[in-house]
Amino acid sequence: GVRRETPVAAARKVDLSRLSNKGAIVWGSGSSKVTVFSDFHCGYCRA
């Protein structure tokens, strides 16, 4: 994942409500939720 050599983008928000649950892989348990767009070949995603 070292391809990511650009500055971090300015703070912004997206609306996840437009996405269905069909592409969601849910794991873990806790009151807080976090969504991660990932790639299973990405070393930083693994970390």
PDB file of all heavy atoms in Angstrom:
ATOM      1  N   GLY A   1       0.798  -1.212   0.000  1.00  0.00           N
ATOM      2  CA  GLY A   1       0.000   0.000   0.000  1.00  0.00           C
ATOM      3  C   GLY A   1       0.831   1.261   0.000  1.00  0.00           C
ATOM      4  O   GLY A   1       0.304   2.332   0.279  1.00  0.00           O
ATOM      5  N   VAL A   2       2.133   1.201  -0.315  1.00  0.00           N
ATOM      6  CA  VAL A   2       2.963   2.399  -0.283  1.00  0.00           C
ATOM      7  C   VAL A   2       2.646   3.338  -1.431  1.00  0.00           C
ATOM      8  O   VAL A   2       3.185   4.423  -1.516  1.00  0.00           O
ATOM      9  CB  VAL A   2       4.472   2.051  -0.319  1.00  0.00           C
ATOM     10  CG1 VAL A   2       4.873   1.377   0.956  1.00  0.00           C
ATOM     11  CG2 VAL A   2       4.817   1.198  -1.518  1.00  0.00           C
ATOM     12  N   ARG A   3       1.761   2.939  -2.281  1.00  0.00           N
ATOM     13  CA  ARG A   3       1.323   3.824  -3.354  1.00  0.00           C
ATOM     14  C   ARG A   3       0.686   5.097  -2.794  1.00  0.00           C
ATOM     15  O   ARG A   3       0.613   6.110  -3.445  1.00  0.00           O
ATOM     16  CB  ARG A   3       0.301   3.102  -4.237  1.00  0.00           C
ATOM     17  CG  ARG A   3      -0.908   2.618  -3.465  1.00  0.00           C
ATOM     18  CD  ARG A   3      -1.789   1.675  -4.266  1.00  0.00           C
ATOM     19  NE  ARG A   3      -2.399   2.334  -5.379  1.00  0.00           N
ATOM     20  CZ  ARG A   3      -2.795   1.703  -6.485  1.00  0.00           C
ATOM     21  NH1 ARG A   3      -2.592   0.420  -6.615  1.00  0.00           N
ATOM     22  NH2 ARG A   3      -3.361   2.351  -7.468  1.00  0.00           N
ATOM     23  N   ARG A   4       0.162   5.020  -1.559  1.00  0.00           N
ATOM     24  CA  ARG A   4      -0.505   6.164  -0.955  1.00  0.00           C
ATOM     25  C   ARG A   4       0.524   7.139  -0.429  1.00  0.00           C
ATOM     26  O   ARG A   4       0.874   7.154   0.728  1.00  0.00           O
ATOM     27  CB  ARG A   4      -1.414   5.652   0.165  1.00  0.00           C
ATOM     28  CG  ARG A   4      -2.178   6.714   0.860  1.00  0.00           C
ATOM     29  CD  ARG A   4      -3.242   6.117   1.733  1.00  0.00           C
ATOM     30  NE  ARG A   4      -4.380   5.678   0.961  1.00  0.00           N
ATOM     31  CZ  ARG A   4      -5.231   6.491   0.372  1.00  0.00           C
ATOM     32  NH1 ARG A   4      -5.063   7.776   0.434  1.00  0.00           N
ATOM     33  NH2 ARG A   4      -6.269   6.023  -0.303  1.00  0.00           N
ATOM     34  N   GLU A   5       1.056   8.008  -1.331  1.00  0.00           N
ATOM     35  CA  GLU A   5       2.095   8.956  -0.953  1.00  0.00           C
ATOM     36  C   GLU A   5       1.634  10.381  -1.195  1.00  0.00           C
ATOM     37  O   GLU A   5       2.384  11.245  -1.568  1.00  0.00           O
ATOM     38  CB  GLU A   5       3.386   8.669  -1.711  1.00  0.00           C
ATOM     39  CG  GLU A   5       4.011   7.349  -1.308  1.00  0.00           C
ATOM     40  CD  GLU A   5       5.373   7.142  -1.906  1.00  0.00           C
ATOM     41  OE1 GLU A   5       5.769   7.968  -2.745  1.00  0.00           O
ATOM     42  OE2 GLU A   5       6.041   6.171  -1.559  1.00  0.00           O
ATOM     43  N   THR A   6       0.346  10.624  -0.996  1.00  0.00           N
ATOM     44  CA  THR A   6      -0.199  11.947  -1.180  1.00  0.00           C
ATOM     45  C   THR A   6      -0.644  12.490   0.161  1.00  0.00           C
ATOM     46  O   THR A   6      -0.914  11.737   1.088  1.00  0.00           O
ATOM     47  CB  THR A   6      -1.417  11.901  -2.134  1.00  0.00           C
ATOM     48  OG1 THR A   6      -2.365  10.949  -1.614  1.00  0.00           O
ATOM     49  CG2 THR A   6      -0.989  11.466  -3.518  1.00  0.00           C
ATOM     50  N   PRO A   7      -0.727  13.826   0.289  1.00  0.00           N
ATOM     51  CA  PRO A   7      -1.159  14.392   1.561  1.00  0.00           C
ATOM     52  C   PRO A   7      -2.570  13.936   1.927  1.00  0.00           C
ATOM     53  O   PRO A   7      -3.393  13.685   1.059  1.00  0.00           O
ATOM     54  CB  PRO A   7      -1.128  15.911   1.291  1.00  0.00           C
ATOM     55  CG  PRO A   7      -0.190  16.064   0.140  1.00  0.00           C
ATOM     56  CD  PRO A   7      -0.373  14.838  -0.703  1.00  0.00           C
ATOM     57  N   VAL A   8      -2.839  13.859   3.217  1.00  0.00           N
ATOM     58  CA  VAL A   8      -4.175  13.492   3.663  1.00  0.00           C
ATOM     59  C   VAL A   8      -5.148  14.573   3.235  1.00  0.00           C
ATOM     60  O   VAL A   8      -4.878  15.761   3.364  1.00  0.00           O
ATOM     61  CB  VAL A   8      -4.199  13.353   5.198  1.00  0.00           C
ATOM     62  CG1 VAL A   8      -5.597  13.022   5.681  1.00  0.00           C
ATOM     63  CG2 VAL A   8      -3.231  12.284   5.635  1.00  0.00           C
ATOM     64  N   ALA A   9      -6.307  14.147   2.721  1.00  0.00           N
ATOM     65  CA  ALA A   9      -7.288  15.108   2.251  1.00  0.00           C
ATOM     66  C   ALA A   9      -7.881  15.886   3.424  1.00  0.00           C
ATOM     67  O   ALA A   9      -7.857  15.441   4.563  1.00  0.00           O
ATOM     68  CB  ALA A   9      -8.399  14.379   1.493  1.00  0.00           C
ATOM     69  N   ALA A  10      -8.404  17.053   3.115  1.00  0.00           N
ATOM     70  CA  ALA A  10      -9.042  17.852   4.151  1.00  0.00           C
ATOM     71  C   ALA A  10     -10.236  17.089   4.721  1.00  0.00           C
ATOM     72  O   ALA A  10     -10.822  16.245   4.053  1.00  0.00           O
ATOM     73  CB  ALA A  10      -9.499  19.187   3.545  1.00  0.00           C
ATOM     74  N   ALA A  11     -10.589  17.396   5.976  1.00  0.00           N
ATOM     75  CA  ALA A  11     -11.685  16.704   6.641  1.00  0.00           C
ATOM     76  C   ALA A  11     -12.957  16.822   5.810  1.00  0.00           C
ATOM     77  O   ALA A  11     -13.320  17.894   5.335  1.00  0.00           O
ATOM     78  CB  ALA A  11     -11.877  17.296   8.031  1.00  0.00           C
ATOM     79  N   ARG A  12     -13.656  15.710   5.660  1.00  0.00           N
ATOM     80  CA  ARG A  12     -14.899  15.718   4.902  1.00  0.00           C
ATOM     81  C   ARG A  12     -15.777  14.598   5.390  1.00  0.00           C
ATOM     82  O   ARG A  12     -15.355  13.753   6.179  1.00  0.00           O
ATOM     83  CB  ARG A  12     -14.633  15.548   3.407  1.00  0.00           C
ATOM     84  CG  ARG A  12     -13.904  14.261   3.034  1.00  0.00           C
ATOM     85  CD  ARG A  12     -13.560  14.259   1.562  1.00  0.00           C
ATOM     86  NE  ARG A  12     -12.765  13.118   1.153  1.00  0.00           N
ATOM     87  CZ  ARG A  12     -13.168  12.214   0.278  1.00  0.00           C
ATOM     88  NH1 ARG A  12     -14.375  12.290  -0.251  1.00  0.00           N
ATOM     89  NH2 ARG A  12     -12.376  11.227  -0.087  1.00  0.00           N
ATOM     90  N   LYS A  13     -17.017  14.590   4.925  1.00  0.00           N
ATOM     91  CA  LYS A  13     -17.957  13.559   5.317  1.00  0.00           C
ATOM     92  C   LYS A  13     -18.619  12.957   4.089  1.00  0.00           C
ATOM     93  O   LYS A  13     -18.718  13.588   3.041  1.00  0.00           O
ATOM     94  CB  LYS A  13     -19.023  14.141   6.254  1.00  0.00           C
ATOM     95  CG  LYS A  13     -18.499  14.527   7.629  1.00  0.00           C
ATOM     96  CD  LYS A  13     -19.641  14.924   8.557  1.00  0.00           C
ATOM     97  CE  LYS A  13     -19.133  15.227   9.954  1.00  0.00           C
ATOM     98  NZ  LYS A  13     -20.246  15.566  10.883  1.00  0.00           N
ATOM     99  N   VAL A  14     -19.050  11.706   4.229  1.00  0.00           N
ATOM    100  CA  VAL A  14     -19.786  11.029   3.173  1.00  0.00           C
ATOM    101  C   VAL A  14     -21.048  10.441   3.784  1.00  0.00           C
ATOM    102  O   VAL A  14     -21.125  10.212   4.993  1.00  0.00           O
ATOM    103  CB  VAL A  14     -18.948   9.912   2.509  1.00  0.00           C
ATOM    104  CG1 VAL A  14     -17.739  10.486   1.800  1.00  0.00           C
ATOM    105  CG2 VAL A  14     -18.524   8.859   3.526  1.00  0.00           C
ATOM    106  N   ASP A  15     -22.023  10.191   2.931  1.00  0.00           N
ATOM    107  CA  ASP A  15     -23.301   9.627   3.370  1.00  0.00           C
ATOM    108  C   ASP A  15     -23.328   8.142   3.045  1.00  0.00           C
ATOM    109  O   ASP A  15     -23.479   7.755   1.892  1.00  0.00           O
ATOM    110  CB  ASP A  15     -24.447  10.360   2.671  1.00  0.00           C
ATOM    111  CG  ASP A  15     -25.815   9.865   3.127  1.00  0.00           C
ATOM    112  OD1 ASP A  15     -25.872   9.029   4.060  1.00  0.00           O
ATOM    113  OD2 ASP A  15     -26.824  10.311   2.554  1.00  0.00           O
ATOM    114  N   LEU A  16     -23.160   7.313   4.074  1.00  0.00           N
ATOM    115  CA  LEU A  16     -23.137   5.861   3.877  1.00  0.00           C
ATOM    116  C   LEU A  16     -24.529   5.260   3.745  1.00  0.00           C
ATOM    117  O   LEU A  16     -24.660   4.077   3.408  1.00  0.00           O
ATOM    118  CB  LEU A  16     -22.411   5.192   5.044  1.00  0.00           C
ATOM    119  CG  LEU A  16     -20.919   5.493   5.186  1.00  0.00           C
ATOM    120  CD1 LEU A  16     -20.387   4.875   6.476  1.00  0.00           C
ATOM    121  CD2 LEU A  16     -20.136   4.959   3.988  1.00  0.00           C
ATOM    122  N   SER A  17     -25.559   6.045   4.004  1.00  0.00           N
ATOM    123  CA  SER A  17     -26.921   5.505   3.970  1.00  0.00           C
ATOM    124  C   SER A  17     -27.342   5.068   2.571  1.00  0.00           C
ATOM    125  O   SER A  17     -28.305   4.317   2.420  1.00  0.00           O
ATOM    126  CB  SER A  17     -27.913   6.549   4.513  1.00  0.00           C
ATOM    127  OG  SER A  17     -27.972   7.688   3.655  1.00  0.00           O
ATOM    128  N   ARG A  18     -26.607   5.515   1.576  1.00  0.00           N
ATOM    129  CA  ARG A  18     -26.939   5.135   0.196  1.00  0.00           C
ATOM    130  C   ARG A  18     -26.460   3.727  -0.143  1.00  0.00           C
ATOM    131  O   ARG A  18     -26.817   3.173  -1.174  1.00  0.00           O
ATOM    132  CB  ARG A  18     -26.321   6.141  -0.775  1.00  0.00           C
ATOM    133  CG  ARG A  18     -26.841   7.561  -0.604  1.00  0.00           C
ATOM    134  CD  ARG A  18     -26.247   8.497  -1.639  1.00  0.00           C
ATOM    135  NE  ARG A  18     -26.722   9.864  -1.477  1.00  0.00           N
ATOM    136  CZ  ARG A  18     -26.402  10.872  -2.292  1.00  0.00           C
ATOM    137  NH1 ARG A  18     -25.589  10.649  -3.314  1.00  0.00           N
ATOM    138  NH2 ARG A  18     -26.884  12.087  -2.076  1.00  0.00           N
ATOM    139  N   LEU A  19     -25.626   3.172   0.722  1.00  0.00           N
ATOM    140  CA  LEU A  19     -25.120   1.826   0.490  1.00  0.00           C
ATOM    141  C   LEU A  19     -26.018   0.786   1.159  1.00  0.00           C
ATOM    142  O   LEU A  19     -26.453   0.970   2.298  1.00  0.00           O
ATOM    143  CB  LEU A  19     -23.699   1.690   1.050  1.00  0.00           C
ATOM    144  CG  LEU A  19     -22.571   2.303   0.235  1.00  0.00           C
ATOM    145  CD1 LEU A  19     -21.298   2.366   1.083  1.00  0.00           C
ATOM    146  CD2 LEU A  19     -22.316   1.502  -1.030  1.00  0.00           C
ATOM    147  N   SER A  20     -26.271  -0.314   0.454  1.00  0.00           N
ATOM    148  CA  SER A  20     -27.034  -1.401   1.064  1.00  0.00           C
ATOM    149  C   SER A  20     -26.102  -2.230   1.942  1.00  0.00           C
ATOM    150  O   SER A  20     -24.891  -2.010   1.975  1.00  0.00           O
ATOM    151  CB  SER A  20     -27.643  -2.290  -0.023  1.00  0.00           C
ATOM    152  OG  SER A  20     -26.632  -3.082  -0.639  1.00  0.00           O
ATOM    153  N   ASN A  21     -26.645  -3.201   2.633  1.00  0.00           N
ATOM    154  CA  ASN A  21     -25.843  -4.072   3.494  1.00  0.00           C
ATOM    155  C   ASN A  21     -25.224  -5.241   2.727  1.00  0.00           C
ATOM    156  O   ASN A  21     -24.491  -6.039   3.311  1.00  0.00           O
ATOM    157  CB  ASN A  21     -26.711  -4.616   4.637  1.00  0.00           C
ATOM    158  CG  ASN A  21     -27.133  -3.530   5.603  1.00  0.00           C
ATOM    159  OD1 ASN A  21     -26.390  -2.569   5.843  1.00  0.00           O
ATOM    160  ND2 ASN A  21     -28.335  -3.655   6.153  1.00  0.00           N
ATOM    161  N   LYS A  22     -25.509  -5.335   1.448  1.00  0.00           N
ATOM    162  CA  LYS A  22     -25.061  -6.509   0.683  1.00  0.00           C
ATOM    163  C   LYS A  22     -23.542  -6.595   0.554  1.00  0.00           C
ATOM    164  O   LYS A  22     -22.995  -7.689   0.413  1.00  0.00           O
ATOM    165  CB  LYS A  22     -25.702  -6.508  -0.709  1.00  0.00           C
ATOM    166  CG  LYS A  22     -27.201  -6.721  -0.698  1.00  0.00           C
ATOM    167  CD  LYS A  22     -27.753  -6.966  -2.089  1.00  0.00           C
ATOM    168  CE  LYS A  22     -27.521  -5.787  -3.014  1.00  0.00           C
ATOM    169  NZ  LYS A  22     -28.094  -6.034  -4.389  1.00  0.00           N
ATOM    170  N   GLY A  23     -22.866  -5.460   0.591  1.00  0.00           N
ATOM    171  CA  GLY A  23     -21.415  -5.476   0.446  1.00  0.00           C
ATOM    172  C   GLY A  23     -20.684  -5.281   1.747  1.00  0.00           C
ATOM    173  O   GLY A  23     -19.468  -5.039   1.749  1.00  0.00           O
ATOM    174  N   ALA A  24     -21.399  -5.410   2.864  1.00  0.00           N
ATOM    175  CA  ALA A  24     -20.803  -5.176   4.177  1.00  0.00           C
ATOM    176  C   ALA A  24     -20.350  -6.487   4.815  1.00  0.00           C
ATOM    177  O   ALA A  24     -21.123  -7.434   4.923  1.00  0.00           O
ATOM    178  CB  ALA A  24     -21.800  -4.475   5.080  1.00  0.00           C
ATOM    179  N   ILE A  25     -19.105  -6.533   5.226  1.00  0.00           N
ATOM    180  CA  ILE A  25     -18.548  -7.675   5.966  1.00  0.00           C
ATOM    181  C   ILE A  25     -18.395  -7.205   7.411  1.00  0.00           C
ATOM    182  O   ILE A  25     -17.506  -6.418   7.724  1.00  0.00           O
ATOM    183  CB  ILE A  25     -17.199  -8.117   5.374  1.00  0.00           C
ATOM    184  CG1 ILE A  25     -17.399  -8.596   3.933  1.00  0.00           C
ATOM    185  CG2 ILE A  25     -16.547  -9.196   6.226  1.00  0.00           C
ATOM    186  CD1 ILE A  25     -16.112  -8.856   3.183  1.00  0.00           C
ATOM    187  N   VAL A  26     -19.276  -7.664   8.265  1.00  0.00           N
ATOM    188  CA  VAL A  26     -19.341  -7.161   9.636  1.00  0.00           C
ATOM    189  C   VAL A  26     -18.639  -8.121  10.592  1.00  0.00           C
ATOM    190  O   VAL A  26     -18.874  -9.324  10.573  1.00  0.00           O
ATOM    191  CB  VAL A  26     -20.807  -6.974  10.083  1.00  0.00           C
ATOM    192  CG1 VAL A  26     -20.859  -6.392  11.496  1.00  0.00           C
ATOM    193  CG2 VAL A  26     -21.545  -6.062   9.105  1.00  0.00           C
ATOM    194  N   TRP A  27     -17.762  -7.555  11.408  1.00  0.00           N
ATOM    195  CA  TRP A  27     -17.085  -8.359  12.416  1.00  0.00           C
ATOM    196  C   TRP A  27     -16.755  -7.487  13.632  1.00  0.00           C
ATOM    197  O   TRP A  27     -16.807  -6.275  13.557  1.00  0.00           O
ATOM    198  CB  TRP A  27     -15.813  -9.002  11.863  1.00  0.00           C
ATOM    199  CG  TRP A  27     -14.787  -8.061  11.290  1.00  0.00           C
ATOM    200  CD1 TRP A  27     -14.721  -7.619  10.001  1.00  0.00           C
ATOM    201  CD2 TRP A  27     -13.678  -7.471  11.976  1.00  0.00           C
ATOM    202  NE1 TRP A  27     -13.644  -6.768   9.832  1.00  0.00           N
ATOM    203  CE2 TRP A  27     -12.980  -6.666  11.032  1.00  0.00           C
ATOM    204  CE3 TRP A  27     -13.198  -7.537  13.273  1.00  0.00           C
ATOM    205  CZ2 TRP A  27     -11.842  -5.944  11.368  1.00  0.00           C
ATOM    206  CZ3 TRP A  27     -12.056  -6.817  13.616  1.00  0.00           C
ATOM    207  CH2 TRP A  27     -11.399  -6.035  12.661  1.00  0.00           C
ATOM    208  N   GLY A  28     -16.435  -8.128  14.726  1.00  0.00           N
ATOM    209  CA  GLY A  28     -16.179  -7.404  15.956  1.00  0.00           C
ATOM    210  C   GLY A  28     -17.473  -7.092  16.682  1.00  0.00           C
ATOM    211  O   GLY A  28     -18.575  -7.311  16.174  1.00  0.00           O
ATOM    212  N   SER A  29     -17.352  -6.575  17.874  1.00  0.00           N
ATOM    213  CA  SER A  29     -18.538  -6.210  18.656  1.00  0.00           C
ATOM    214  C   SER A  29     -18.206  -5.003  19.513  1.00  0.00           C
ATOM    215  O   SER A  29     -17.120  -4.879  20.065  1.00  0.00           O
ATOM    216  CB  SER A  29     -18.974  -7.382  19.547  1.00  0.00           C
ATOM    217  OG  SER A  29     -17.945  -7.750  20.444  1.00  0.00           O
ATOM    218  N   GLY A  30     -19.141  -4.101  19.581  1.00  0.00           N
ATOM    219  CA  GLY A  30     -18.925  -2.897  20.369  1.00  0.00           C
ATOM    220  C   GLY A  30     -19.998  -1.884  20.052  1.00  0.00           C
ATOM    221  O   GLY A  30     -20.650  -1.959  19.001  1.00  0.00           O
ATOM    222  N   SER A  31     -20.182  -0.929  20.932  1.00  0.00           N
ATOM    223  CA  SER A  31     -21.213   0.080  20.724  1.00  0.00           C
ATOM    224  C   SER A  31     -20.838   1.045  19.610  1.00  0.00           C
ATOM    225  O   SER A  31     -21.700   1.579  18.913  1.00  0.00           O
ATOM    226  CB  SER A  31     -21.453   0.852  22.023  1.00  0.00           C
ATOM    227  OG  SER A  31     -20.232   1.413  22.502  1.00  0.00           O
ATOM    228  N   SER A  32     -19.540   1.274  19.422  1.00  0.00           N
ATOM    229  CA  SER A  32     -19.083   2.151  18.347  1.00  0.00           C
ATOM    230  C   SER A  32     -18.945   1.362  17.056  1.00  0.00           C
ATOM    231  O   SER A  32     -18.537   0.196  17.062  1.00  0.00           O
ATOM    232  CB  SER A  32     -17.731   2.772  18.708  1.00  0.00           C
ATOM    233  OG  SER A  32     -17.834   3.571  19.864  1.00  0.00           O
ATOM    234  N   LYS A  33     -19.284   2.008  15.954  1.00  0.00           N
ATOM    235  CA  LYS A  33     -19.176   1.364  14.647  1.00  0.00           C
ATOM    236  C   LYS A  33     -18.254   2.182  13.750  1.00  0.00           C
ATOM    237  O   LYS A  33     -18.235   3.406  13.799  1.00  0.00           O
ATOM    238  CB  LYS A  33     -20.547   1.225  13.988  1.00  0.00           C
ATOM    239  CG  LYS A  33     -21.494   0.274  14.700  1.00  0.00           C
ATOM    240  CD  LYS A  33     -22.793   0.121  13.944  1.00  0.00           C
ATOM    241  CE  LYS A  33     -23.736  -0.851  14.640  1.00  0.00           C
ATOM    242  NZ  LYS A  33     -25.011  -1.008  13.899  1.00  0.00           N
ATOM    243  N   VAL A  34     -17.507   1.481  12.926  1.00  0.00           N
ATOM    244  CA  VAL A  34     -16.628   2.153  11.970  1.00  0.00           C
ATOM    245  C   VAL A  34     -16.654   1.374  10.664  1.00  0.00           C
ATOM    246  O   VAL A  34     -16.677   0.135  10.657  1.00  0.00           O
ATOM    247  CB  VAL A  34     -15.185   2.258  12.520  1.00  0.00           C
ATOM    248  CG1 VAL A  34     -14.569   0.889  12.735  1.00  0.00           C
ATOM    249  CG2 VAL A  34     -14.321   3.104  11.612  1.00  0.00           C
ATOM    250  N   THR A  35     -16.726   2.086   9.573  1.00  0.00           N
ATOM    251  CA  THR A  35     -16.727   1.468   8.243  1.00  0.00           C
ATOM    252  C   THR A  35     -15.348   1.636   7.627  1.00  0.00           C
ATOM    253  O   THR A  35     -14.760   2.720   7.689  1.00  0.00           O
ATOM    254  CB  THR A  35     -17.791   2.124   7.342  1.00  0.00           C
ATOM    255  OG1 THR A  35     -19.084   1.912   7.915  1.00  0.00           O
ATOM    256  CG2 THR A  35     -17.759   1.526   5.939  1.00  0.00           C
ATOM    257  N   VAL A  36     -14.836   0.557   7.042  1.00  0.00           N
ATOM    258  CA  VAL A  36     -13.497   0.588   6.445  1.00  0.00           C
ATOM    259  C   VAL A  36     -13.574   0.124   4.997  1.00  0.00           C
ATOM    260  O   VAL A  36     -14.020  -1.001   4.722  1.00  0.00           O
ATOM    261  CB  VAL A  36     -12.513  -0.311   7.220  1.00  0.00           C
ATOM    262  CG1 VAL A  36     -11.129  -0.246   6.574  1.00  0.00           C
ATOM    263  CG2 VAL A  36     -12.435   0.101   8.678  1.00  0.00           C
ATOM    264  N   PHE A  37     -13.176   0.983   4.079  1.00  0.00           N
ATOM    265  CA  PHE A  37     -13.015   0.587   2.680  1.00  0.00           C
ATOM    266  C   PHE A  37     -11.589   0.060   2.555  1.00  0.00           C
ATOM    267  O   PHE A  37     -10.616   0.790   2.787  1.00  0.00           O
ATOM    268  CB  PHE A  37     -13.261   1.776   1.748  1.00  0.00           C
ATOM    269  CG  PHE A  37     -14.712   2.187   1.684  1.00  0.00           C
ATOM    270  CD1 PHE A  37     -15.244   3.068   2.626  1.00  0.00           C
ATOM    271  CD2 PHE A  37     -15.554   1.689   0.707  1.00  0.00           C
ATOM    272  CE1 PHE A  37     -16.573   3.438   2.602  1.00  0.00           C
ATOM    273  CE2 PHE A  37     -16.897   2.056   0.655  1.00  0.00           C
ATOM    274  CZ  PHE A  37     -17.414   2.932   1.609  1.00  0.00           C
ATOM    275  N   SER A  38     -11.475  -1.214   2.200  1.00  0.00           N
ATOM    276  CA  SER A  38     -10.181  -1.884   2.300  1.00  0.00           C
ATOM    277  C   SER A  38      -9.909  -2.749   1.083  1.00  0.00           C
ATOM    278  O   SER A  38     -10.765  -2.929   0.218  1.00  0.00           O
ATOM    279  CB  SER A  38     -10.164  -2.771   3.558  1.00  0.00           C
ATOM    280  OG  SER A  38     -11.209  -3.738   3.485  1.00  0.00           O
ATOM    281  N   ASP A  39      -8.690  -3.261   1.040  1.00  0.00           N
ATOM    282  CA  ASP A  39      -8.267  -4.214   0.014  1.00  0.00           C
ATOM    283  C   ASP A  39      -7.483  -5.306   0.736  1.00  0.00           C
ATOM    284  O   ASP A  39      -6.561  -5.006   1.495  1.00  0.00           O
ATOM    285  CB  ASP A  39      -7.396  -3.516  -1.029  1.00  0.00           C
ATOM    286  CG  ASP A  39      -7.061  -4.413  -2.213  1.00  0.00           C
ATOM    287  OD1 ASP A  39      -6.418  -5.472  -1.990  1.00  0.00           O
ATOM    288  OD2 ASP A  39      -7.427  -4.069  -3.341  1.00  0.00           O
ATOM    289  N   PHE A  40      -7.848  -6.553   0.510  1.00  0.00           N
ATOM    290  CA  PHE A  40      -7.226  -7.645   1.251  1.00  0.00           C
ATOM    291  C   PHE A  40      -5.778  -7.921   0.838  1.00  0.00           C
ATOM    292  O   PHE A  40      -5.105  -8.728   1.470  1.00  0.00           O
ATOM    293  CB  PHE A  40      -8.061  -8.927   1.120  1.00  0.00           C
ATOM    294  CG  PHE A  40      -9.366  -8.848   1.864  1.00  0.00           C
ATOM    295  CD1 PHE A  40     -10.580  -8.959   1.193  1.00  0.00           C
ATOM    296  CD2 PHE A  40      -9.384  -8.644   3.231  1.00  0.00           C
ATOM    297  CE1 PHE A  40     -11.778  -8.880   1.887  1.00  0.00           C
ATOM    298  CE2 PHE A  40     -10.578  -8.555   3.932  1.00  0.00           C
ATOM    299  CZ  PHE A  40     -11.787  -8.679   3.250  1.00  0.00           C
ATOM    300  N   HIS A  41      -5.290  -7.220  -0.181  1.00  0.00           N
ATOM    301  CA  HIS A  41      -3.883  -7.304  -0.551  1.00  0.00           C
ATOM    302  C   HIS A  41      -3.075  -6.108  -0.035  1.00  0.00           C
ATOM    303  O   HIS A  41      -1.892  -5.990  -0.336  1.00  0.00           O
ATOM    304  CB  HIS A  41      -3.734  -7.393  -2.079  1.00  0.00           C
ATOM    305  CG  HIS A  41      -4.142  -8.720  -2.643  1.00  0.00           C
ATOM    306  ND1 HIS A  41      -4.269  -8.943  -4.008  1.00  0.00           N
ATOM    307  CD2 HIS A  41      -4.447  -9.889  -2.035  1.00  0.00           C
ATOM    308  CE1 HIS A  41      -4.641 -10.202  -4.212  1.00  0.00           C
ATOM    309  NE2 HIS A  41      -4.749 -10.781  -3.024  1.00  0.00           N
ATOM    310  N   CYS A  42      -3.723  -5.244   0.725  1.00  0.00           N
ATOM    311  CA  CYS A  42      -3.086  -4.021   1.217  1.00  0.00           C
ATOM    312  C   CYS A  42      -2.495  -4.258   2.598  1.00  0.00           C
ATOM    313  O   CYS A  42      -3.215  -4.604   3.540  1.00  0.00           O
ATOM    314  CB  CYS A  42      -4.126  -2.897   1.248  1.00  0.00           C
ATOM    315  SG  CYS A  42      -3.679  -1.465   2.246  1.00  0.00           S
ATOM    316  N   GLY A  43      -1.184  -4.079   2.720  1.00  0.00           N
ATOM    317  CA  GLY A  43      -0.518  -4.294   3.994  1.00  0.00           C
ATOM    318  C   GLY A  43      -0.986  -3.352   5.080  1.00  0.00           C
ATOM    319  O   GLY A  43      -1.077  -3.721   6.254  1.00  0.00           O
ATOM    320  N   TYR A  44      -1.302  -2.096   4.734  1.00  0.00           N
ATOM    321  CA  TYR A  44      -1.776  -1.143   5.722  1.00  0.00           C
ATOM    322  C   TYR A  44      -3.188  -1.480   6.189  1.00  0.00           C
ATOM    323  O   TYR A  44      -3.550  -1.232   7.338  1.00  0.00           O
ATOM    324  CB  TYR A  44      -1.728   0.280   5.163  1.00  0.00           C
ATOM    325  CG  TYR A  44      -0.328   0.751   4.895  1.00  0.00           C
ATOM    326  CD1 TYR A  44      -0.011   1.498   3.766  1.00  0.00           C
ATOM    327  CD2 TYR A  44       0.701   0.433   5.769  1.00  0.00           C
ATOM    328  CE1 TYR A  44       1.282   1.919   3.514  1.00  0.00           C
ATOM    329  CE2 TYR A  44       1.993   0.844   5.528  1.00  0.00           C
ATOM    330  CZ  TYR A  44       2.281   1.594   4.399  1.00  0.00           C
ATOM    331  OH  TYR A  44       3.568   2.002   4.163  1.00  0.00           O
ATOM    332  N   CYS A  45      -3.985  -2.060   5.296  1.00  0.00           N
ATOM    333  CA  CYS A  45      -5.325  -2.497   5.687  1.00  0.00           C
ATOM    334  C   CYS A  45      -5.218  -3.635   6.698  1.00  0.00           C
ATOM    335  O   CYS A  45      -5.985  -3.705   7.655  1.00  0.00           O
ATOM    336  CB  CYS A  45      -6.120  -2.965   4.465  1.00  0.00           C
ATOM    337  SG  CYS A  45      -6.372  -1.686   3.222  1.00  0.00           S
ATOM    338  N   ARG A  46      -4.273  -4.512   6.453  1.00  0.00           N
ATOM    339  CA  ARG A  46      -4.046  -5.605   7.399  1.00  0.00           C
ATOM    340  C   ARG A  46      -3.631  -5.064   8.764  1.00  0.00           C
ATOM    341  O   ARG A  46      -4.139  -5.487   9.808  1.00  0.00           O
ATOM    342  CB  ARG A  46      -2.966  -6.539   6.862  1.00  0.00           C
ATOM    343  CG  ARG A  46      -2.585  -7.652   7.826  1.00  0.00           C
ATOM    344  CD  ARG A  46      -1.464  -8.502   7.269  1.00  0.00           C
ATOM    345  NE  ARG A  46      -1.100  -9.561   8.194  1.00  0.00           N
ATOM    346  CZ  ARG A  46      -0.179 -10.478   7.961  1.00  0.00           C
ATOM    347  NH1 ARG A  46       0.481 -10.465   6.817  1.00  0.00           N
ATOM    348  NH2 ARG A  46       0.086 -11.412   8.846  1.00  0.00           N
ATOM    349  N   ALA A  47      -2.704  -4.100   8.767  1.00  0.00           N
ATOM    350  CA  ALA A  47      -2.255  -3.502  10.017  1.00  0.00           C
ATOM    351  C   ALA A  47      -3.405  -2.793  10.729  1.00  0.00           C
ATOM    352  O   ALA A  47      -3.544  -2.874  11.955  1.00  0.00           O
ATOM    353  CB  ALA A  47      -1.115  -2.529   9.750  1.00  0.00           C
TER     354      ALA A  47
END
